[in-house]
């Protein structure tokens, strides 16, 4: 028995209408991607102002990639 099955069984009748995987991926993963994308983007902009050219572009691109993944999941 997996953790999710045990968790839903422990909830009883409420566990049948509560889809743990869907809630986890819908909220936690979206918030994590949004937070990390914003963080990497802001760090990249700060480093761009500080003249660290090689690292700032990498962080900005990583931030944009995470925000794009977040937008794809949100659809």
C-alpha atoms as a PDB file:
ATOM      1  CA  UNK A   1       0.000   0.000   0.000  1.00  0.00           C
ATOM      2  CA  UNK A   2       1.429   3.306  -1.010  1.00  0.00           C
ATOM      3  CA  UNK A   3       1.477   6.375   1.167  1.00  0.00           C
ATOM      4  CA  UNK A   4      -1.313   8.024  -0.814  1.00  0.00           C
ATOM      5  CA  UNK A   5      -3.577   4.982  -0.550  1.00  0.00           C
ATOM      6  CA  UNK A   6      -2.947   4.770   3.191  1.00  0.00           C
ATOM      7  CA  UNK A   7      -3.567   8.469   3.584  1.00  0.00           C
ATOM      8  CA  UNK A   8      -6.874   8.281   1.702  1.00  0.00           C
ATOM      9  CA  UNK A   9      -7.910   5.127   3.584  1.00  0.00           C
ATOM     10  CA  UNK A  10      -7.162   6.842   6.888  1.00  0.00           C
ATOM     11  CA  UNK A  11      -9.442   9.716   5.925  1.00  0.00           C
ATOM     12  CA  UNK A  12     -12.358   7.339   5.398  1.00  0.00           C
ATOM     13  CA  UNK A  13     -15.254   8.562   3.282  1.00  0.00           C
ATOM     14  CA  UNK A  14     -13.691  11.992   2.996  1.00  0.00           C
ATOM     15  CA  UNK A  15     -10.601  10.374   1.437  1.00  0.00           C
ATOM     16  CA  UNK A  16     -12.601   9.191  -1.568  1.00  0.00           C
ATOM     17  CA  UNK A  17     -13.441  12.711  -2.676  1.00  0.00           C
ATOM     18  CA  UNK A  18     -10.038  14.086  -1.674  1.00  0.00           C
ATOM     19  CA  UNK A  19      -7.497  13.544  -4.439  1.00  0.00           C
ATOM     20  CA  UNK A  20      -4.139  14.091  -2.751  1.00  0.00           C
ATOM     21  CA  UNK A  21      -2.047  13.929  -5.936  1.00  0.00           C
ATOM     22  CA  UNK A  22      -4.176  16.484  -7.740  1.00  0.00           C
ATOM     23  CA  UNK A  23      -4.148  18.918  -4.822  1.00  0.00           C
ATOM     24  CA  UNK A  24      -0.385  18.487  -4.372  1.00  0.00           C
ATOM     25  CA  UNK A  25       0.452  19.105  -8.012  1.00  0.00           C
ATOM     26  CA  UNK A  26      -2.106  21.859  -8.416  1.00  0.00           C
ATOM     27  CA  UNK A  27      -1.094  24.022  -5.493  1.00  0.00           C
ATOM     28  CA  UNK A  28       2.260  23.047  -4.007  1.00  0.00           C
ATOM     29  CA  UNK A  29       4.107  22.443  -7.267  1.00  0.00           C
ATOM     30  CA  UNK A  30       2.671  25.570  -8.898  1.00  0.00           C
ATOM     31  CA  UNK A  31       3.630  27.753  -5.947  1.00  0.00           C
ATOM     32  CA  UNK A  32       7.106  26.220  -5.826  1.00  0.00           C
ATOM     33  CA  UNK A  33       7.693  26.832  -9.537  1.00  0.00           C
ATOM     34  CA  UNK A  34       6.356  30.379  -9.301  1.00  0.00           C
ATOM     35  CA  UNK A  35       8.521  31.138  -6.264  1.00  0.00           C
ATOM     36  CA  UNK A  36      11.703  29.648  -7.748  1.00  0.00           C
ATOM     37  CA  UNK A  37      11.148  31.294 -11.123  1.00  0.00           C
ATOM     38  CA  UNK A  38      10.653  34.683  -9.517  1.00  0.00           C
ATOM     39  CA  UNK A  39      13.636  34.173  -7.206  1.00  0.00           C
ATOM     40  CA  UNK A  40      15.988  33.182 -10.033  1.00  0.00           C
ATOM     41  CA  UNK A  41      14.747  36.059 -12.163  1.00  0.00           C
ATOM     42  CA  UNK A  42      15.284  38.612  -9.394  1.00  0.00           C
ATOM     43  CA  UNK A  43      18.724  37.214  -8.558  1.00  0.00           C
ATOM     44  CA  UNK A  44      19.633  37.425 -12.230  1.00  0.00           C
ATOM     45  CA  UNK A  45      18.528  41.061 -12.414  1.00  0.00           C
ATOM     46  CA  UNK A  46      20.494  41.900  -9.251  1.00  0.00           C
ATOM     47  CA  UNK A  47      23.594  40.229 -10.682  1.00  0.00           C
ATOM     48  CA  UNK A  48      23.038  42.029 -13.984  1.00  0.00           C
ATOM     49  CA  UNK A  49      23.177  45.334 -12.121  1.00  0.00           C
ATOM     50  CA  UNK A  50      26.302  44.095 -10.284  1.00  0.00           C
ATOM     51  CA  UNK A  51      28.048  43.279 -13.600  1.00  0.00           C
ATOM     52  CA  UNK A  52      28.371  39.480 -13.157  1.00  0.00           C
ATOM     53  CA  UNK A  53      27.578  38.865 -16.806  1.00  0.00           C
ATOM     54  CA  UNK A  54      27.983  35.076 -17.059  1.00  0.00           C
ATOM     55  CA  UNK A  55      25.900  34.156 -14.021  1.00  0.00           C
ATOM     56  CA  UNK A  56      23.104  36.679 -14.419  1.00  0.00           C
ATOM     57  CA  UNK A  57      22.016  35.492 -17.859  1.00  0.00           C
ATOM     58  CA  UNK A  58      21.944  31.896 -16.617  1.00  0.00           C
ATOM     59  CA  UNK A  59      19.759  32.807 -13.637  1.00  0.00           C
ATOM     60  CA  UNK A  60      17.382  34.905 -15.744  1.00  0.00           C
ATOM     61  CA  UNK A  61      17.003  32.053 -18.247  1.00  0.00           C
ATOM     62  CA  UNK A  62      16.421  29.533 -15.430  1.00  0.00           C
ATOM     63  CA  UNK A  63      13.785  31.838 -13.955  1.00  0.00           C
ATOM     64  CA  UNK A  64      12.044  32.212 -17.307  1.00  0.00           C
ATOM     65  CA  UNK A  65      12.140  28.442 -17.833  1.00  0.00           C
ATOM     66  CA  UNK A  66      10.527  27.793 -14.438  1.00  0.00           C
ATOM     67  CA  UNK A  67       7.867  30.431 -15.052  1.00  0.00           C
ATOM     68  CA  UNK A  68       7.107  28.894 -18.466  1.00  0.00           C
ATOM     69  CA  UNK A  69       6.746  25.450 -16.882  1.00  0.00           C
ATOM     70  CA  UNK A  70       4.409  27.002 -14.308  1.00  0.00           C
ATOM     71  CA  UNK A  71       2.274  28.536 -17.071  1.00  0.00           C
ATOM     72  CA  UNK A  72       2.101  25.209 -18.935  1.00  0.00           C
ATOM     73  CA  UNK A  73       0.997  23.364 -15.785  1.00  0.00           C
ATOM     74  CA  UNK A  74      -1.544  26.072 -14.973  1.00  0.00           C
ATOM     75  CA  UNK A  75      -3.373  25.583 -18.322  1.00  0.00           C
END
